[in-house]
């Protein structure tokens, strides 16, 4: 997934790495199917919020499209 970190650098990470970076508050924006999501502005789900035990239990719907 395409990601812009808070330090302004652009990266391409797996969804699992994005989850870790979101949990550690290092992400500024990331690209999803509908466009760029800005953390703190757009709704962003985290693993803790999804089911209370630290992990999303549903199917992986995010892709690494270019």
N, C-alpha and C. Protein backbone atom coordinates (compact mmCIF):
# COMPACT_ATOMS: atom_id res chain seq x y z
N UNK A 1 0.84 -1.17 0.00
CA UNK A 1 0.00 0.00 0.00
C UNK A 1 0.89 1.24 0.00
N UNK A 2 0.47 2.25 -0.71
CA UNK A 2 1.21 3.51 -0.76
C UNK A 2 0.94 4.29 0.52
N UNK A 3 2.03 4.77 1.14
CA UNK A 3 1.93 5.43 2.44
C UNK A 3 2.84 6.64 2.47
N UNK A 4 2.35 7.72 3.08
CA UNK A 4 3.18 8.89 3.37
C UNK A 4 3.26 8.99 4.89
N UNK A 5 4.48 8.91 5.40
CA UNK A 5 4.69 8.98 6.84
C UNK A 5 4.67 10.43 7.31
N UNK A 6 4.60 10.63 8.62
CA UNK A 6 4.56 11.98 9.18
C UNK A 6 5.83 12.76 8.89
N UNK A 7 6.94 12.07 8.60
CA UNK A 7 8.18 12.78 8.26
C UNK A 7 8.21 13.20 6.79
N UNK A 8 7.12 12.90 6.04
CA UNK A 8 7.01 13.32 4.65
C UNK A 8 7.53 12.33 3.64
N UNK A 9 8.09 11.22 4.09
CA UNK A 9 8.63 10.24 3.15
C UNK A 9 7.53 9.34 2.60
N UNK A 10 7.71 8.91 1.35
CA UNK A 10 6.75 8.07 0.64
C UNK A 10 7.27 6.64 0.62
N UNK A 11 6.41 5.68 0.92
CA UNK A 11 6.80 4.27 0.96
C UNK A 11 5.69 3.40 0.40
N UNK A 12 6.03 2.16 0.12
CA UNK A 12 5.05 1.14 -0.25
C UNK A 12 5.20 0.01 0.76
N UNK A 13 4.14 -0.25 1.55
CA UNK A 13 4.18 -1.25 2.61
C UNK A 13 3.08 -2.28 2.41
N UNK A 14 3.26 -3.43 3.03
CA UNK A 14 2.20 -4.43 3.07
C UNK A 14 1.11 -3.93 4.03
N UNK A 15 -0.10 -4.44 3.90
CA UNK A 15 -1.16 -4.04 4.84
C UNK A 15 -0.80 -4.31 6.30
N UNK A 16 -0.09 -5.38 6.57
CA UNK A 16 0.31 -5.68 7.96
C UNK A 16 1.25 -4.61 8.51
N UNK A 17 2.20 -4.17 7.70
CA UNK A 17 3.12 -3.11 8.15
C UNK A 17 2.34 -1.81 8.33
N UNK A 18 1.41 -1.52 7.43
CA UNK A 18 0.58 -0.32 7.59
C UNK A 18 -0.15 -0.35 8.93
N UNK A 19 -0.71 -1.50 9.30
CA UNK A 19 -1.39 -1.61 10.59
C UNK A 19 -0.47 -1.25 11.75
N UNK A 20 0.75 -1.76 11.72
CA UNK A 20 1.72 -1.47 12.79
C UNK A 20 2.04 0.02 12.82
N UNK A 21 2.25 0.61 11.65
CA UNK A 21 2.57 2.03 11.59
C UNK A 21 1.40 2.89 12.04
N UNK A 22 0.18 2.49 11.69
CA UNK A 22 -1.00 3.22 12.17
C UNK A 22 -1.10 3.15 13.69
N UNK A 23 -0.86 1.98 14.25
CA UNK A 23 -0.90 1.81 15.70
C UNK A 23 0.15 2.65 16.41
N UNK A 24 1.28 2.89 15.74
CA UNK A 24 2.36 3.67 16.36
C UNK A 24 2.30 5.15 15.97
N UNK A 25 1.20 5.55 15.31
CA UNK A 25 0.94 6.96 14.97
C UNK A 25 2.03 7.57 14.09
N UNK A 26 2.55 6.81 13.14
CA UNK A 26 3.61 7.31 12.26
C UNK A 26 3.11 7.66 10.87
N UNK A 27 1.84 7.37 10.56
CA UNK A 27 1.31 7.55 9.22
C UNK A 27 0.58 8.88 9.09
N UNK A 28 0.88 9.61 8.02
CA UNK A 28 0.15 10.84 7.69
C UNK A 28 -1.00 10.53 6.74
N UNK A 29 -0.70 9.81 5.64
CA UNK A 29 -1.71 9.44 4.65
C UNK A 29 -1.41 8.06 4.11
N UNK A 30 -2.46 7.39 3.63
CA UNK A 30 -2.26 6.14 2.90
C UNK A 30 -3.33 6.05 1.82
N UNK A 31 -2.98 5.37 0.75
CA UNK A 31 -3.87 5.28 -0.40
C UNK A 31 -4.75 4.04 -0.29
N UNK A 32 -6.05 4.26 -0.45
CA UNK A 32 -6.98 3.15 -0.51
C UNK A 32 -7.77 3.25 -1.79
N UNK A 33 -8.68 2.33 -2.04
CA UNK A 33 -9.36 2.27 -3.34
C UNK A 33 -10.06 3.57 -3.71
N UNK A 34 -10.57 4.31 -2.74
CA UNK A 34 -11.28 5.55 -3.03
C UNK A 34 -10.39 6.78 -3.06
N UNK A 35 -9.10 6.60 -2.91
CA UNK A 35 -8.16 7.73 -2.91
C UNK A 35 -7.36 7.75 -1.62
N UNK A 36 -6.73 8.88 -1.36
CA UNK A 36 -5.88 9.02 -0.18
C UNK A 36 -6.71 9.26 1.07
N UNK A 37 -6.36 8.56 2.14
CA UNK A 37 -6.98 8.76 3.45
C UNK A 37 -5.97 9.49 4.33
N UNK A 38 -6.40 10.56 4.96
CA UNK A 38 -5.55 11.32 5.86
C UNK A 38 -5.89 10.94 7.29
N UNK A 39 -4.89 10.47 8.02
CA UNK A 39 -5.08 10.06 9.40
C UNK A 39 -5.44 11.30 10.23
N UNK A 40 -6.47 11.19 11.04
CA UNK A 40 -6.93 12.30 11.85
C UNK A 40 -8.01 13.13 11.17
N UNK A 41 -8.22 12.91 9.87
CA UNK A 41 -9.26 13.61 9.12
C UNK A 41 -10.30 12.62 8.62
N UNK A 42 -9.83 11.59 7.92
CA UNK A 42 -10.71 10.56 7.38
C UNK A 42 -10.86 9.42 8.38
N UNK A 43 -12.00 8.71 8.32
CA UNK A 43 -12.16 7.55 9.21
C UNK A 43 -11.11 6.49 8.91
N UNK A 44 -10.42 6.06 9.93
CA UNK A 44 -9.39 5.03 9.79
C UNK A 44 -9.62 4.01 10.88
N UNK A 45 -9.80 2.77 10.49
CA UNK A 45 -9.99 1.73 11.49
C UNK A 45 -8.63 1.19 11.91
N UNK A 46 -8.53 0.81 13.16
CA UNK A 46 -7.31 0.20 13.65
C UNK A 46 -7.63 -1.18 14.16
N UNK A 47 -6.62 -1.97 14.34
CA UNK A 47 -6.82 -3.34 14.81
C UNK A 47 -7.51 -3.37 16.17
N UNK A 48 -7.15 -2.47 17.07
CA UNK A 48 -7.73 -2.46 18.41
C UNK A 48 -9.22 -2.15 18.38
N UNK A 49 -9.63 -1.28 17.48
CA UNK A 49 -11.02 -0.87 17.40
C UNK A 49 -11.89 -1.95 16.78
N UNK A 50 -11.34 -2.73 15.89
CA UNK A 50 -12.14 -3.67 15.11
C UNK A 50 -12.79 -4.77 15.92
N UNK A 51 -12.04 -5.38 16.81
CA UNK A 51 -12.66 -6.47 17.57
C UNK A 51 -12.22 -6.53 19.02
N UNK A 52 -11.47 -5.54 19.46
CA UNK A 52 -11.09 -5.46 20.86
C UNK A 52 -9.95 -6.36 21.29
N UNK A 53 -9.50 -7.26 20.42
CA UNK A 53 -8.40 -8.15 20.84
C UNK A 53 -7.16 -7.99 19.97
N UNK A 54 -7.09 -6.89 19.23
CA UNK A 54 -5.86 -6.61 18.51
C UNK A 54 -5.79 -7.10 17.09
N UNK A 55 -6.86 -7.62 16.51
CA UNK A 55 -6.76 -8.09 15.14
C UNK A 55 -8.09 -8.13 14.42
N UNK A 56 -8.05 -7.84 13.16
CA UNK A 56 -9.24 -7.91 12.31
C UNK A 56 -9.43 -9.35 11.91
N UNK A 57 -10.61 -9.88 12.12
CA UNK A 57 -10.87 -11.29 11.87
C UNK A 57 -11.54 -11.56 10.52
N UNK A 58 -11.89 -10.53 9.77
CA UNK A 58 -12.56 -10.70 8.49
C UNK A 58 -11.58 -10.91 7.35
N UNK A 59 -12.10 -10.99 6.13
CA UNK A 59 -11.24 -11.20 4.97
C UNK A 59 -10.41 -9.95 4.65
N UNK A 60 -9.23 -10.16 4.10
CA UNK A 60 -8.37 -9.05 3.68
C UNK A 60 -8.93 -8.47 2.40
N UNK A 61 -9.35 -7.20 2.43
CA UNK A 61 -9.92 -6.56 1.25
C UNK A 61 -8.97 -5.52 0.66
N UNK A 62 -7.93 -5.21 1.39
CA UNK A 62 -6.98 -4.23 0.87
C UNK A 62 -6.06 -4.91 -0.13
N UNK A 63 -5.68 -4.19 -1.15
CA UNK A 63 -4.78 -4.75 -2.16
C UNK A 63 -3.58 -3.84 -2.31
N UNK A 64 -2.57 -4.35 -2.95
CA UNK A 64 -1.38 -3.56 -3.23
C UNK A 64 -1.37 -3.20 -4.70
N UNK A 65 -2.33 -2.38 -5.11
CA UNK A 65 -2.46 -1.97 -6.50
C UNK A 65 -1.51 -0.82 -6.80
N UNK A 66 -1.10 -0.72 -8.05
CA UNK A 66 -0.28 0.41 -8.51
C UNK A 66 -1.03 1.14 -9.58
